[in-house]
Amino acid sequence: MNHWTLVGHVADCPPGQSIECVAGDRIIALFNLDGTFHALDGICPHQGGPLAKGTLTNCIVTCPWHGWQFDVTTGQHQINTALKHDSLAVKVEGDEIFVALG
């Protein structure tokens, strides 16, 4: 069963931007793609880089440490199709943004 956790407000993450949030004991990278929010585990699986501080181009985030790239809508790595990063369900209620922790 999912537990919805408040991670921020709509104004905290403008379109085309990302922010780092804490949900429970996890670091979350929250992305705003033209008003639709997506969340990935905020720690790059390569060497622990901060994904929320990476470059967001369309729906692809590039880790600032070593350039690993993920589709923020699915978590899919852009070169290795066997690698999929953890993504979390997101919902917006009013101006509050929640992620689902399972």
C-alpha atoms as a PDB file:
ATOM      1  CA  MET A   1       0.000   0.000   0.000  1.00  0.00           C
ATOM      2  CA  ASN A   2       1.256   3.473  -0.893  1.00  0.00           C
ATOM      3  CA  HIS A   3       1.798   6.181   1.667  1.00  0.00           C
ATOM      4  CA  TRP A   4       1.525   9.677   0.175  1.00  0.00           C
ATOM      5  CA  THR A   5       4.174  12.055   1.517  1.00  0.00           C
ATOM      6  CA  LEU A   6       4.222  15.819   1.041  1.00  0.00           C
ATOM      7  CA  VAL A   7       7.449  16.875  -0.703  1.00  0.00           C
ATOM      8  CA  GLY A   8       6.765  20.451  -1.722  1.00  0.00           C
ATOM      9  CA  HIS A   9       4.514  23.020  -3.298  1.00  0.00           C
ATOM     10  CA  VAL A  10       3.873  23.768  -6.963  1.00  0.00           C
ATOM     11  CA  ALA A  11       5.604  27.166  -6.667  1.00  0.00           C
ATOM     12  CA  ASP A  12       8.783  25.442  -5.378  1.00  0.00           C
ATOM     13  CA  CYS A  13       9.432  23.773  -8.747  1.00  0.00           C
ATOM     14  CA  PRO A  14       8.673  25.941 -11.811  1.00  0.00           C
ATOM     15  CA  PRO A  15       8.174  24.355 -15.258  1.00  0.00           C
ATOM     16  CA  GLY A  16      11.414  23.019 -16.734  1.00  0.00           C
ATOM     17  CA  GLN A  17      13.070  22.862 -13.315  1.00  0.00           C
ATOM     18  CA  SER A  18      13.864  20.258 -10.681  1.00  0.00           C
ATOM     19  CA  ILE A  19      14.268  20.279  -6.919  1.00  0.00           C
ATOM     20  CA  GLU A  20      15.665  17.895  -4.345  1.00  0.00           C
ATOM     21  CA  CYS A  21      13.204  16.813  -1.636  1.00  0.00           C
ATOM     22  CA  VAL A  22      13.155  14.450   1.300  1.00  0.00           C
ATOM     23  CA  ALA A  23      10.358  11.909   1.612  1.00  0.00           C
ATOM     24  CA  GLY A  24      10.614   9.675   4.649  1.00  0.00           C
ATOM     25  CA  ASP A  25      14.225   8.494   4.611  1.00  0.00           C
ATOM     26  CA  ARG A  26      14.688   8.982   0.854  1.00  0.00           C
ATOM     27  CA  ILE A  27      16.095  11.785  -1.259  1.00  0.00           C
ATOM     28  CA  ILE A  28      13.767  12.505  -4.168  1.00  0.00           C
ATOM     29  CA  ALA A  29      14.394  14.397  -7.403  1.00  0.00           C
ATOM     30  CA  LEU A  30      11.179  16.184  -8.391  1.00  0.00           C
ATOM     31  CA  PHE A  31      10.822  17.426 -11.979  1.00  0.00           C
ATOM     32  CA  ASN A  32       8.244  19.777 -13.516  1.00  0.00           C
ATOM     33  CA  LEU A  33       7.627  19.111 -17.211  1.00  0.00           C
ATOM     34  CA  ASP A  34       5.257  21.835 -18.398  1.00  0.00           C
ATOM     35  CA  GLY A  35       3.126  21.579 -15.251  1.00  0.00           C
ATOM     36  CA  THR A  36       3.239  17.789 -14.908  1.00  0.00           C
ATOM     37  CA  PHE A  37       5.365  16.546 -12.029  1.00  0.00           C
ATOM     38  CA  HIS A  38       7.551  13.435 -12.059  1.00  0.00           C
ATOM     39  CA  ALA A  39       9.758  11.982  -9.324  1.00  0.00           C
ATOM     40  CA  LEU A  40      12.816   9.748  -9.352  1.00  0.00           C
ATOM     41  CA  ASP A  41      15.009   8.474  -6.577  1.00  0.00           C
ATOM     42  CA  GLY A  42      17.297  11.477  -6.166  1.00  0.00           C
ATOM     43  CA  ILE A  43      20.546   9.515  -6.002  1.00  0.00           C
ATOM     44  CA  CYS A  44      22.132   8.457  -9.290  1.00  0.00           C
ATOM     45  CA  PRO A  45      22.848   4.709  -9.230  1.00  0.00           C
ATOM     46  CA  HIS A  46      26.256   5.212 -10.845  1.00  0.00           C
ATOM     47  CA  GLN A  47      28.157   6.925  -8.021  1.00  0.00           C
ATOM     48  CA  GLY A  48      25.547   8.743  -5.964  1.00  0.00           C
ATOM     49  CA  GLY A  49      25.289  12.032  -7.853  1.00  0.00           C
ATOM     50  CA  PRO A  50      22.381  14.400  -7.072  1.00  0.00           C
ATOM     51  CA  LEU A  51      19.955  13.944  -9.974  1.00  0.00           C
ATOM     52  CA  ALA A  52      17.852  16.995  -9.055  1.00  0.00           C
ATOM     53  CA  LYS A  53      20.915  19.165  -9.643  1.00  0.00           C
ATOM     54  CA  GLY A  54      21.409  17.756 -13.128  1.00  0.00           C
ATOM     55  CA  THR A  55      20.488  19.334 -16.432  1.00  0.00           C
ATOM     56  CA  LEU A  56      16.897  18.763 -17.570  1.00  0.00           C
ATOM     57  CA  THR A  57      16.402  18.742 -21.343  1.00  0.00           C
ATOM     58  CA  ASN A  58      12.836  17.950 -22.342  1.00  0.00           C
ATOM     59  CA  CYS A  59      12.201  14.783 -20.284  1.00  0.00           C
ATOM     60  CA  ILE A  60      15.850  13.716 -19.906  1.00  0.00           C
ATOM     61  CA  VAL A  61      17.912  14.517 -16.817  1.00  0.00           C
ATOM     62  CA  THR A  62      21.687  14.331 -17.023  1.00  0.00           C
ATOM     63  CA  CYS A  63      23.477  13.593 -13.759  1.00  0.00           C
ATOM     64  CA  PRO A  64      25.897  16.438 -12.981  1.00  0.00           C
ATOM     65  CA  TRP A  65      28.663  14.120 -11.797  1.00  0.00           C
ATOM     66  CA  HIS A  66      29.257  11.696 -14.672  1.00  0.00           C
ATOM     67  CA  GLY A  67      26.599  12.353 -17.288  1.00  0.00           C
ATOM     68  CA  TRP A  68      24.316   9.366 -16.827  1.00  0.00           C
ATOM     69  CA  GLN A  69      20.940  10.171 -18.407  1.00  0.00           C
ATOM     70  CA  PHE A  70      17.454   9.088 -17.382  1.00  0.00           C
ATOM     71  CA  ASP A  71      13.957   9.720 -18.717  1.00  0.00           C
ATOM     72  CA  VAL A  72      12.244  11.412 -15.768  1.00  0.00           C
ATOM     73  CA  THR A  73       8.829  10.092 -16.835  1.00  0.00           C
ATOM     74  CA  THR A  74       9.865   6.431 -16.616  1.00  0.00           C
ATOM     75  CA  GLY A  75      13.310   6.206 -14.983  1.00  0.00           C
ATOM     76  CA  GLN A  76      14.700   4.509 -18.094  1.00  0.00           C
ATOM     77  CA  HIS A  77      18.467   4.903 -18.599  1.00  0.00           C
ATOM     78  CA  GLN A  78      19.158   6.345 -22.037  1.00  0.00           C
ATOM     79  CA  ILE A  79      21.930   3.957 -23.114  1.00  0.00           C
ATOM     80  CA  ASN A  80      21.503   0.744 -21.119  1.00  0.00           C
ATOM     81  CA  THR A  81      17.940  -0.502 -21.639  1.00  0.00           C
ATOM     82  CA  ALA A  82      18.410  -3.013 -18.811  1.00  0.00           C
ATOM     83  CA  LEU A  83      18.819  -0.185 -16.306  1.00  0.00           C
ATOM     84  CA  LYS A  84      15.716   1.552 -14.979  1.00  0.00           C
ATOM     85  CA  HIS A  85      15.995   3.983 -12.068  1.00  0.00           C
ATOM     86  CA  ASP A  86      13.325   4.032  -9.337  1.00  0.00           C
ATOM     87  CA  SER A  87      10.446   6.358 -10.153  1.00  0.00           C
ATOM     88  CA  LEU A  88       7.666   7.322  -7.777  1.00  0.00           C
ATOM     89  CA  ALA A  89       4.025   8.155  -8.375  1.00  0.00           C
ATOM     90  CA  VAL A  90       3.221  11.849  -7.925  1.00  0.00           C
ATOM     91  CA  LYS A  91      -0.046  13.608  -7.201  1.00  0.00           C
ATOM     92  CA  VAL A  92      -0.886  17.272  -6.820  1.00  0.00           C
ATOM     93  CA  GLU A  93      -3.661  18.440  -4.500  1.00  0.00           C
ATOM     94  CA  GLY A  94      -4.214  22.174  -4.639  1.00  0.00           C
ATOM     95  CA  ASP A  95      -0.695  23.585  -4.458  1.00  0.00           C
ATOM     96  CA  GLU A  96       0.808  20.615  -2.584  1.00  0.00           C
ATOM     97  CA  ILE A  97       2.895  17.900  -4.253  1.00  0.00           C
ATOM     98  CA  PHE A  98       2.941  14.362  -2.852  1.00  0.00           C
ATOM     99  CA  VAL A  99       4.955  11.262  -3.791  1.00  0.00           C
ATOM    100  CA  ALA A 100       3.953   7.678  -3.095  1.00  0.00           C
ATOM    101  CA  LEU A 101       6.223   5.669  -0.844  1.00  0.00           C
ATOM    102  CA  GLY A 102       5.427   1.970  -0.986  1.00  0.00           C
END
